[in-house]
Structure formats: C-alpha cells, structure tokens
C-alpha cells in the first residue's frame, strides 16, 4: 500500500452504553484556561450485538473540561460484562461548548442532540472480551443533565 492509496473503512455497531451521573461537582476555572467539572458515575447499562452488561456504580467519573467554544471530554469507569468480567472504559472526545458558568449537561434541546464525538478505549481480561483490547472504536452520543448515551462502533 502506498501513501497515496485510499483505505476504505467500515463501522460495525458493537454496543450501546447508557450512563447515569450524580450532581455536578465544579472545580472551576483553572490555570489551563478551562473550567473542570466532575460527575460521579451512578451506574448504567451496556447492551448490543457484541457486549452486554452494566456500568459499575461509583467506579469512576466523567470529567469534561469546559471552554467557550468546545468541551473536551474525559471519563473513566468500569463495565461488568454479563459473564462477570470487569472491563475498563476510557472515553475521550469533543462536544460543543456552553456559555461561561452554564451547566454543561442540561435538559435543553440544543444540548441533548447527538453532539458527543467520542473515541473510547477498553481494557479487558484475556478471554471472550479480549477483542476489546485490539479494536479501534468511535462513538456518537448525547447528553442530558443526569445521564448520557452513546452508540459504540468498531472501525473495520
């Protein structure tokens, strides 16, 4: 393959993930020119053709950095697969920004659209879920005040 070749990519829907969050904990403006907020993970579900399970309550947080023109997403938590295996989930990505001091997760139509652009990384033990360790993923999601949903795709 030469550098000038076009590589055709396909996306395969592997599962959907739904998270519930606790109240917003605002660190506030930092010297890094953004406002950092935290939402503890209250639980959630994972379901789809390749993975089913639940989000382990209290196992992590979503911690976006807010800026006037974008939100830089960063979250980490545990998934307990239907067979009991624990899987680490790390989510990074971007979303549209909000006005300074505005609550980022809001039950407003303009913020509840499919506006999260995500790049998840999973770490699973050897066995039936090891495919998560060697797959590149992308996701699209939405957000509300107390929960978030995303559709996860494997890049083929």
N, C-alpha and C. Protein backbone atom coordinates (compact mmCIF):
# COMPACT_ATOMS: atom_id res chain seq x y z
N UNK A 1 0.84 -1.17 0.00
CA UNK A 1 0.00 0.00 0.00
C UNK A 1 0.89 1.23 0.00
N UNK A 2 0.66 2.14 -0.92
CA UNK A 2 1.41 3.39 -0.96
C UNK A 2 0.68 4.45 -0.14
N UNK A 3 1.37 5.52 0.18
CA UNK A 3 0.76 6.60 0.96
C UNK A 3 -0.40 7.25 0.22
N UNK A 4 -0.42 7.15 -1.10
CA UNK A 4 -1.49 7.75 -1.88
C UNK A 4 -2.73 6.88 -1.99
N UNK A 5 -2.71 5.66 -1.47
CA UNK A 5 -3.86 4.76 -1.57
C UNK A 5 -4.97 5.19 -0.64
N UNK A 6 -6.18 4.96 -1.06
CA UNK A 6 -7.34 5.24 -0.23
C UNK A 6 -7.76 3.93 0.44
N UNK A 7 -7.87 3.97 1.75
CA UNK A 7 -8.29 2.80 2.51
C UNK A 7 -9.76 2.97 2.87
N UNK A 8 -10.57 2.00 2.51
CA UNK A 8 -11.99 2.05 2.82
C UNK A 8 -12.20 1.54 4.25
N UNK A 9 -12.86 2.34 5.06
CA UNK A 9 -13.18 1.93 6.43
C UNK A 9 -14.66 1.64 6.54
N UNK A 10 -14.99 0.68 7.39
CA UNK A 10 -16.37 0.36 7.69
C UNK A 10 -16.55 0.46 9.19
N UNK A 11 -17.76 0.77 9.61
CA UNK A 11 -18.09 0.81 11.02
C UNK A 11 -19.07 -0.32 11.33
N UNK A 12 -18.82 -1.01 12.44
CA UNK A 12 -19.72 -2.07 12.89
C UNK A 12 -20.25 -1.68 14.27
N UNK A 13 -21.58 -1.57 14.40
CA UNK A 13 -22.18 -1.27 15.69
C UNK A 13 -21.94 -2.46 16.63
N UNK A 14 -21.27 -2.21 17.77
CA UNK A 14 -20.95 -3.31 18.68
C UNK A 14 -21.77 -3.28 19.96
N UNK A 15 -22.09 -2.10 20.47
CA UNK A 15 -22.99 -1.99 21.62
C UNK A 15 -23.34 -0.53 21.89
N UNK A 16 -24.37 -0.35 22.70
CA UNK A 16 -24.77 0.97 23.19
C UNK A 16 -24.44 1.02 24.68
N UNK A 17 -24.15 2.20 25.14
CA UNK A 17 -23.78 2.39 26.54
C UNK A 17 -24.61 3.54 27.09
N UNK A 18 -25.22 3.35 28.23
CA UNK A 18 -26.01 4.40 28.88
C UNK A 18 -25.48 4.59 30.30
N UNK A 19 -25.14 5.82 30.65
CA UNK A 19 -24.59 6.14 31.96
C UNK A 19 -25.52 7.06 32.73
N UNK A 20 -25.58 6.90 34.05
CA UNK A 20 -26.25 7.87 34.91
C UNK A 20 -25.17 8.55 35.76
N UNK A 21 -25.39 9.82 36.03
CA UNK A 21 -24.40 10.61 36.77
C UNK A 21 -25.01 11.24 38.01
N UNK A 22 -24.14 11.51 38.99
CA UNK A 22 -24.52 12.27 40.17
C UNK A 22 -24.50 13.75 39.84
N UNK A 23 -24.68 14.57 40.85
CA UNK A 23 -24.69 16.02 40.66
C UNK A 23 -23.33 16.53 40.20
N UNK A 24 -23.37 17.61 39.50
CA UNK A 24 -22.14 18.24 39.01
C UNK A 24 -21.30 18.76 40.17
N UNK A 25 -20.02 18.43 40.13
CA UNK A 25 -19.04 18.95 41.09
C UNK A 25 -18.08 19.83 40.29
N UNK A 26 -18.13 21.13 40.51
CA UNK A 26 -17.37 22.06 39.67
C UNK A 26 -16.08 22.45 40.36
N UNK A 27 -14.95 22.10 39.72
CA UNK A 27 -13.65 22.55 40.20
C UNK A 27 -13.47 24.03 39.91
N UNK A 28 -14.05 24.48 38.81
CA UNK A 28 -13.99 25.88 38.44
C UNK A 28 -12.85 26.17 37.49
N UNK A 29 -12.65 27.46 37.16
CA UNK A 29 -11.58 27.84 36.24
C UNK A 29 -10.22 27.42 36.78
N UNK A 30 -9.37 26.96 35.89
CA UNK A 30 -8.02 26.55 36.27
C UNK A 30 -7.00 27.34 35.46
N UNK A 31 -5.75 27.19 35.78
CA UNK A 31 -4.68 27.88 35.06
C UNK A 31 -4.50 27.32 33.65
N UNK A 32 -5.22 26.25 33.31
CA UNK A 32 -5.14 25.66 31.98
C UNK A 32 -6.16 26.26 31.02
N UNK A 33 -6.77 27.38 31.41
CA UNK A 33 -7.71 28.14 30.58
C UNK A 33 -9.01 27.40 30.28
N UNK A 34 -9.46 26.60 31.23
CA UNK A 34 -10.76 25.97 31.09
C UNK A 34 -11.35 25.75 32.48
N UNK A 35 -12.61 25.40 32.52
CA UNK A 35 -13.29 25.04 33.76
C UNK A 35 -13.44 23.53 33.78
N UNK A 36 -13.07 22.91 34.88
CA UNK A 36 -13.17 21.45 35.01
C UNK A 36 -14.36 21.11 35.90
N UNK A 37 -15.17 20.16 35.45
CA UNK A 37 -16.29 19.67 36.25
C UNK A 37 -16.21 18.15 36.33
N UNK A 38 -16.82 17.57 37.37
CA UNK A 38 -16.81 16.13 37.57
C UNK A 38 -18.23 15.66 37.83
N UNK A 39 -18.54 14.47 37.30
CA UNK A 39 -19.81 13.81 37.54
C UNK A 39 -19.48 12.38 37.92
N UNK A 40 -19.76 11.99 39.16
CA UNK A 40 -19.54 10.60 39.56
C UNK A 40 -20.52 9.69 38.84
N UNK A 41 -20.05 8.53 38.42
CA UNK A 41 -20.89 7.58 37.69
C UNK A 41 -21.80 6.86 38.68
N UNK A 42 -23.10 6.93 38.41
CA UNK A 42 -24.07 6.29 39.29
C UNK A 42 -24.47 4.89 38.83
N UNK A 43 -24.06 4.51 37.64
CA UNK A 43 -24.41 3.19 37.09
C UNK A 43 -24.78 3.33 35.63
N UNK A 44 -25.36 2.28 35.10
CA UNK A 44 -25.78 2.32 33.71
C UNK A 44 -25.84 0.94 33.11
N UNK A 45 -26.09 0.91 31.81
CA UNK A 45 -26.24 -0.36 31.10
C UNK A 45 -25.39 -0.38 29.84
N UNK A 46 -25.05 -1.59 29.42
CA UNK A 46 -24.34 -1.84 28.17
C UNK A 46 -25.11 -2.95 27.47
N UNK A 47 -25.51 -2.71 26.23
CA UNK A 47 -26.23 -3.75 25.51
C UNK A 47 -25.97 -3.63 24.02
N UNK A 48 -25.93 -4.77 23.37
CA UNK A 48 -25.72 -4.76 21.93
C UNK A 48 -25.31 -6.12 21.40
N UNK A 49 -24.98 -6.15 20.12
CA UNK A 49 -24.64 -7.43 19.49
C UNK A 49 -23.34 -8.06 19.98
N UNK A 50 -22.39 -7.25 20.52
CA UNK A 50 -21.10 -7.83 20.91
C UNK A 50 -20.80 -7.76 22.40
N UNK A 51 -21.56 -6.98 23.18
CA UNK A 51 -21.29 -6.86 24.62
C UNK A 51 -22.56 -6.45 25.35
N UNK A 52 -22.81 -7.12 26.48
CA UNK A 52 -23.92 -6.78 27.37
C UNK A 52 -23.41 -6.77 28.79
N UNK A 53 -23.97 -5.89 29.60
CA UNK A 53 -23.57 -5.80 30.99
C UNK A 53 -24.09 -4.55 31.64
N UNK A 54 -23.36 -4.10 32.66
CA UNK A 54 -23.76 -2.91 33.40
C UNK A 54 -22.54 -2.06 33.73
N UNK A 55 -22.78 -0.78 33.97
CA UNK A 55 -21.74 0.13 34.43
C UNK A 55 -21.69 0.00 35.95
N UNK A 56 -20.53 -0.22 36.52
CA UNK A 56 -20.37 -0.38 37.96
C UNK A 56 -20.54 0.99 38.62
N UNK A 57 -21.56 1.11 39.47
CA UNK A 57 -21.83 2.38 40.16
C UNK A 57 -20.63 2.77 41.02
N UNK A 58 -20.29 4.04 40.99
CA UNK A 58 -19.20 4.56 41.81
C UNK A 58 -17.81 4.19 41.31
N UNK A 59 -17.70 3.62 40.11
CA UNK A 59 -16.40 3.13 39.63
C UNK A 59 -15.58 4.18 38.90
N UNK A 60 -16.09 5.38 38.76
CA UNK A 60 -15.33 6.41 38.07
C UNK A 60 -16.12 7.67 37.90
N UNK A 61 -15.66 8.51 36.98
CA UNK A 61 -16.34 9.77 36.75
C UNK A 61 -16.18 10.22 35.32
N UNK A 62 -17.03 11.15 34.96
CA UNK A 62 -16.93 11.87 33.70
C UNK A 62 -16.38 13.23 34.10
N UNK A 63 -15.35 13.71 33.45
CA UNK A 63 -14.69 14.94 33.88
C UNK A 63 -14.37 15.83 32.68
N UNK A 64 -15.39 16.46 32.08
CA UNK A 64 -15.11 17.32 30.93
C UNK A 64 -14.42 18.62 31.33
N UNK A 65 -13.66 19.17 30.39
CA UNK A 65 -13.07 20.50 30.52
C UNK A 65 -13.90 21.42 29.66
N UNK A 66 -14.47 22.46 30.27
CA UNK A 66 -15.37 23.36 29.56
C UNK A 66 -14.61 24.58 29.05
N UNK A 67 -14.90 24.96 27.83
CA UNK A 67 -14.34 26.14 27.23
C UNK A 67 -15.49 26.82 26.49
N UNK A 68 -15.32 28.05 26.08
CA UNK A 68 -16.43 28.76 25.43
C UNK A 68 -16.81 28.18 24.08
N UNK A 69 -15.89 27.53 23.38
CA UNK A 69 -16.20 27.02 22.05
C UNK A 69 -16.26 25.50 21.96
N UNK A 70 -15.83 24.79 23.00
CA UNK A 70 -15.88 23.33 22.95
C UNK A 70 -15.74 22.76 24.36
N UNK A 71 -16.13 21.51 24.47
CA UNK A 71 -15.95 20.74 25.69
C UNK A 71 -15.02 19.59 25.34
N UNK A 72 -13.94 19.42 26.09
CA UNK A 72 -13.05 18.29 25.90
C UNK A 72 -13.47 17.23 26.92
N UNK A 73 -13.89 16.09 26.40
CA UNK A 73 -14.45 15.05 27.26
C UNK A 73 -13.38 14.10 27.76
N UNK A 74 -13.55 13.62 28.96
CA UNK A 74 -12.67 12.62 29.53
C UNK A 74 -13.39 11.91 30.65
N UNK A 75 -13.59 10.63 30.49
CA UNK A 75 -14.26 9.85 31.52
C UNK A 75 -13.64 8.48 31.65
N UNK A 76 -13.83 7.89 32.81
CA UNK A 76 -13.29 6.55 33.05
C UNK A 76 -14.17 5.85 34.07
N UNK A 77 -14.52 4.58 33.78
CA UNK A 77 -15.34 3.78 34.69
C UNK A 77 -15.19 2.31 34.34
N UNK A 78 -15.88 1.46 35.09
CA UNK A 78 -15.81 0.01 34.87
C UNK A 78 -17.13 -0.52 34.32
N UNK A 79 -17.00 -1.46 33.41
CA UNK A 79 -18.14 -2.22 32.91
C UNK A 79 -18.04 -3.63 33.50
N UNK A 80 -19.16 -4.14 34.03
CA UNK A 80 -19.22 -5.55 34.44
C UNK A 80 -20.02 -6.26 33.35
N UNK A 81 -19.33 -7.08 32.56
CA UNK A 81 -19.99 -7.81 31.47
C UNK A 81 -20.99 -8.81 32.06
N UNK A 82 -21.91 -9.28 31.23
CA UNK A 82 -22.94 -10.22 31.67
C UNK A 82 -22.33 -11.48 32.28
N UNK A 83 -21.12 -11.87 31.86
CA UNK A 83 -20.46 -13.05 32.43
C UNK A 83 -19.64 -12.73 33.68
N UNK A 84 -19.69 -11.48 34.16
CA UNK A 84 -18.99 -11.09 35.38
C UNK A 84 -17.62 -10.46 35.16
N UNK A 85 -17.08 -10.51 33.96
CA UNK A 85 -15.75 -9.92 33.69
C UNK A 85 -15.80 -8.40 33.85
N UNK A 86 -14.75 -7.84 34.46
CA UNK A 86 -14.63 -6.39 34.59
C UNK A 86 -13.83 -5.84 33.42
N UNK A 87 -14.31 -4.75 32.84
CA UNK A 87 -13.69 -4.11 31.68
C UNK A 87 -13.53 -2.63 31.98
N UNK A 88 -12.34 -2.11 31.79
CA UNK A 88 -12.08 -0.69 31.97
C UNK A 88 -12.50 0.07 30.71
N UNK A 89 -13.22 1.17 30.90
CA UNK A 89 -13.64 2.02 29.79
C UNK A 89 -13.05 3.41 30.00
N UNK A 90 -12.39 3.93 28.98
CA UNK A 90 -11.88 5.30 28.99
C UNK A 90 -12.44 5.99 27.76
N UNK A 91 -13.07 7.13 27.97
CA UNK A 91 -13.73 7.84 26.88
C UNK A 91 -13.12 9.22 26.75
N UNK A 92 -12.72 9.58 25.54
CA UNK A 92 -12.26 10.93 25.25
C UNK A 92 -13.04 11.43 24.04
N UNK A 93 -13.07 12.74 23.86
CA UNK A 93 -13.74 13.28 22.70
C UNK A 93 -14.04 14.75 22.85
N UNK A 94 -14.98 15.22 22.02
CA UNK A 94 -15.33 16.63 21.98
C UNK A 94 -16.83 16.81 21.90
N UNK A 95 -17.28 17.99 22.32
CA UNK A 95 -18.66 18.41 22.17
C UNK A 95 -18.68 19.92 22.04
N UNK A 96 -19.80 20.47 21.66
CA UNK A 96 -19.94 21.92 21.56
C UNK A 96 -19.83 22.55 22.94
N UNK A 97 -19.30 23.76 23.02
CA UNK A 97 -19.14 24.47 24.29
C UNK A 97 -20.44 25.10 24.76
N UNK A 98 -20.39 25.68 25.95
CA UNK A 98 -21.53 26.37 26.53
C UNK A 98 -21.09 27.72 27.03
N UNK A 99 -22.03 28.55 27.38
CA UNK A 99 -21.72 29.87 27.92
C UNK A 99 -21.00 29.71 29.26
N UNK A 100 -20.07 30.63 29.61
CA UNK A 100 -19.35 30.55 30.89
C UNK A 100 -20.32 30.45 32.06
N UNK A 101 -20.07 29.51 32.95
CA UNK A 101 -20.88 29.32 34.15
C UNK A 101 -22.15 28.51 33.91
N UNK A 102 -22.47 28.18 32.66
CA UNK A 102 -23.66 27.41 32.35
C UNK A 102 -23.43 25.94 32.72
N UNK A 103 -24.47 25.27 33.18
CA UNK A 103 -24.38 23.84 33.47
C UNK A 103 -24.23 23.11 32.14
N UNK A 104 -23.22 22.27 32.03
CA UNK A 104 -22.94 21.63 30.75
C UNK A 104 -23.99 20.60 30.38
N UNK A 105 -24.32 19.70 31.29
CA UNK A 105 -25.37 18.73 31.00
C UNK A 105 -26.68 19.39 31.33
N UNK A 106 -27.42 19.73 30.33
CA UNK A 106 -28.67 20.43 30.56
C UNK A 106 -29.77 19.78 29.75
N UNK A 107 -30.96 19.80 30.29
CA UNK A 107 -32.10 19.23 29.59
C UNK A 107 -32.68 20.28 28.64
N UNK A 108 -31.87 20.67 27.67
CA UNK A 108 -32.28 21.63 26.66
C UNK A 108 -32.07 20.97 25.30
N UNK A 109 -32.99 21.18 24.35
CA UNK A 109 -32.88 20.51 23.05
C UNK A 109 -31.53 20.72 22.37
N UNK A 110 -30.98 21.92 22.44
CA UNK A 110 -29.72 22.17 21.73
C UNK A 110 -28.54 21.43 22.34
N UNK A 111 -28.62 20.99 23.59
CA UNK A 111 -27.55 20.24 24.22
C UNK A 111 -27.84 18.75 24.28
N UNK A 112 -29.07 18.36 23.99
CA UNK A 112 -29.44 16.95 24.09
C UNK A 112 -29.35 16.23 22.75
N UNK A 113 -28.94 16.93 21.71
CA UNK A 113 -28.79 16.29 20.41
C UNK A 113 -27.59 15.36 20.43
N UNK A 114 -27.46 14.55 19.38
CA UNK A 114 -26.31 13.64 19.27
C UNK A 114 -25.06 14.48 19.00
N UNK A 115 -24.53 15.05 20.06
CA UNK A 115 -23.48 16.04 19.92
C UNK A 115 -22.13 15.62 20.49
N UNK A 116 -22.04 14.42 21.03
CA UNK A 116 -20.77 13.95 21.57
C UNK A 116 -20.03 13.17 20.50
N UNK A 117 -18.78 13.54 20.24
CA UNK A 117 -17.93 12.86 19.27
C UNK A 117 -16.83 12.18 20.07
N UNK A 118 -16.82 10.85 20.11
CA UNK A 118 -16.04 10.12 21.10
C UNK A 118 -15.09 9.09 20.50
N UNK A 119 -14.02 8.83 21.25
CA UNK A 119 -13.03 7.80 20.90
C UNK A 119 -12.80 6.93 22.13
N UNK A 120 -13.60 5.90 22.35
CA UNK A 120 -13.45 5.04 23.53
C UNK A 120 -12.27 4.08 23.39
N UNK A 121 -11.69 3.74 24.54
CA UNK A 121 -10.66 2.71 24.64
C UNK A 121 -11.08 1.78 25.77
N UNK A 122 -11.01 0.48 25.51
CA UNK A 122 -11.40 -0.50 26.51
C UNK A 122 -10.22 -1.40 26.84
N UNK A 123 -10.18 -1.86 28.08
CA UNK A 123 -9.16 -2.82 28.51
C UNK A 123 -9.88 -3.96 29.21
N UNK A 124 -9.76 -5.14 28.62
CA UNK A 124 -10.48 -6.32 29.12
C UNK A 124 -9.49 -7.43 29.44
N UNK A 125 -9.87 -8.36 30.34
CA UNK A 125 -9.00 -9.50 30.62
C UNK A 125 -8.97 -10.46 29.43
N UNK A 126 -7.96 -11.31 29.40
CA UNK A 126 -7.91 -12.36 28.39
C UNK A 126 -9.18 -13.19 28.45
N UNK A 127 -9.62 -13.68 27.33
CA UNK A 127 -10.84 -14.47 27.28
C UNK A 127 -11.80 -13.91 26.25
N UNK A 128 -13.09 -14.10 26.47
CA UNK A 128 -14.07 -13.75 25.44
C UNK A 128 -14.17 -12.26 25.11
N UNK A 129 -13.67 -11.39 25.98
CA UNK A 129 -13.76 -9.95 25.75
C UNK A 129 -12.44 -9.34 25.30
N UNK A 130 -11.43 -10.17 25.04
CA UNK A 130 -10.11 -9.67 24.64
C UNK A 130 -10.15 -8.91 23.32
N UNK A 131 -11.16 -9.13 22.48
CA UNK A 131 -11.29 -8.39 21.22
C UNK A 131 -11.35 -6.89 21.47
N UNK A 132 -11.83 -6.47 22.66
CA UNK A 132 -11.89 -5.04 23.00
C UNK A 132 -10.49 -4.42 23.09
N UNK A 133 -9.47 -5.24 23.42
CA UNK A 133 -8.10 -4.74 23.59
C UNK A 133 -7.41 -4.44 22.26
N UNK A 134 -7.91 -4.97 21.18
CA UNK A 134 -7.22 -4.83 19.90
C UNK A 134 -8.11 -4.24 18.81
N UNK A 135 -9.11 -3.48 19.23
CA UNK A 135 -10.04 -2.87 18.29
C UNK A 135 -10.05 -1.36 18.49
N UNK A 136 -10.13 -0.63 17.38
CA UNK A 136 -10.27 0.82 17.42
C UNK A 136 -11.77 1.13 17.39
N UNK A 137 -12.20 2.06 18.25
CA UNK A 137 -13.61 2.39 18.38
C UNK A 137 -13.84 3.88 18.15
N UNK A 138 -15.01 4.21 17.66
CA UNK A 138 -15.53 5.57 17.62
C UNK A 138 -16.95 5.50 18.14
N UNK A 139 -17.46 6.64 18.60
CA UNK A 139 -18.81 6.66 19.14
C UNK A 139 -19.45 8.02 18.92
N UNK A 140 -20.75 8.01 18.91
CA UNK A 140 -21.54 9.23 18.83
C UNK A 140 -22.52 9.15 19.98
N UNK A 141 -22.72 10.27 20.69
CA UNK A 141 -23.59 10.21 21.84
C UNK A 141 -24.35 11.49 22.08
N UNK A 142 -25.18 11.44 23.12
CA UNK A 142 -25.93 12.62 23.55
C UNK A 142 -25.80 12.77 25.05
N UNK A 143 -26.28 13.88 25.55
CA UNK A 143 -26.14 14.16 26.98
C UNK A 143 -27.39 14.85 27.50
N UNK A 144 -27.68 14.56 28.75
CA UNK A 144 -28.72 15.25 29.49
C UNK A 144 -28.13 15.61 30.85
N UNK A 145 -28.94 16.21 31.71
CA UNK A 145 -28.41 16.67 32.99
C UNK A 145 -27.86 15.52 33.83
N UNK A 146 -28.55 14.39 33.85
CA UNK A 146 -28.14 13.31 34.76
C UNK A 146 -27.73 12.03 34.05
N UNK A 147 -27.68 12.03 32.73
CA UNK A 147 -27.31 10.80 32.04
C UNK A 147 -26.75 11.11 30.65
N UNK A 148 -26.16 10.08 30.09
CA UNK A 148 -25.56 10.20 28.77
C UNK A 148 -25.69 8.85 28.07
N UNK A 149 -25.85 8.89 26.77
CA UNK A 149 -25.92 7.66 26.00
C UNK A 149 -24.98 7.75 24.81
N UNK A 150 -24.45 6.61 24.40
CA UNK A 150 -23.57 6.61 23.25
C UNK A 150 -23.70 5.29 22.50
N UNK A 151 -23.55 5.36 21.20
CA UNK A 151 -23.53 4.18 20.33
C UNK A 151 -22.08 3.96 19.95
N UNK A 152 -21.55 2.76 20.25
CA UNK A 152 -20.15 2.42 20.05
C UNK A 152 -20.01 1.61 18.76
N UNK A 153 -19.04 2.01 17.93
CA UNK A 153 -18.76 1.33 16.68
C UNK A 153 -17.31 0.87 16.64
N UNK A 154 -17.07 -0.32 16.13
CA UNK A 154 -15.73 -0.80 15.86
C UNK A 154 -15.36 -0.33 14.45
N UNK A 155 -14.12 0.13 14.28
CA UNK A 155 -13.63 0.53 12.97
C UNK A 155 -13.04 -0.70 12.33
N UNK A 156 -13.55 -1.06 11.17
CA UNK A 156 -13.14 -2.30 10.50
C UNK A 156 -12.27 -1.97 9.30
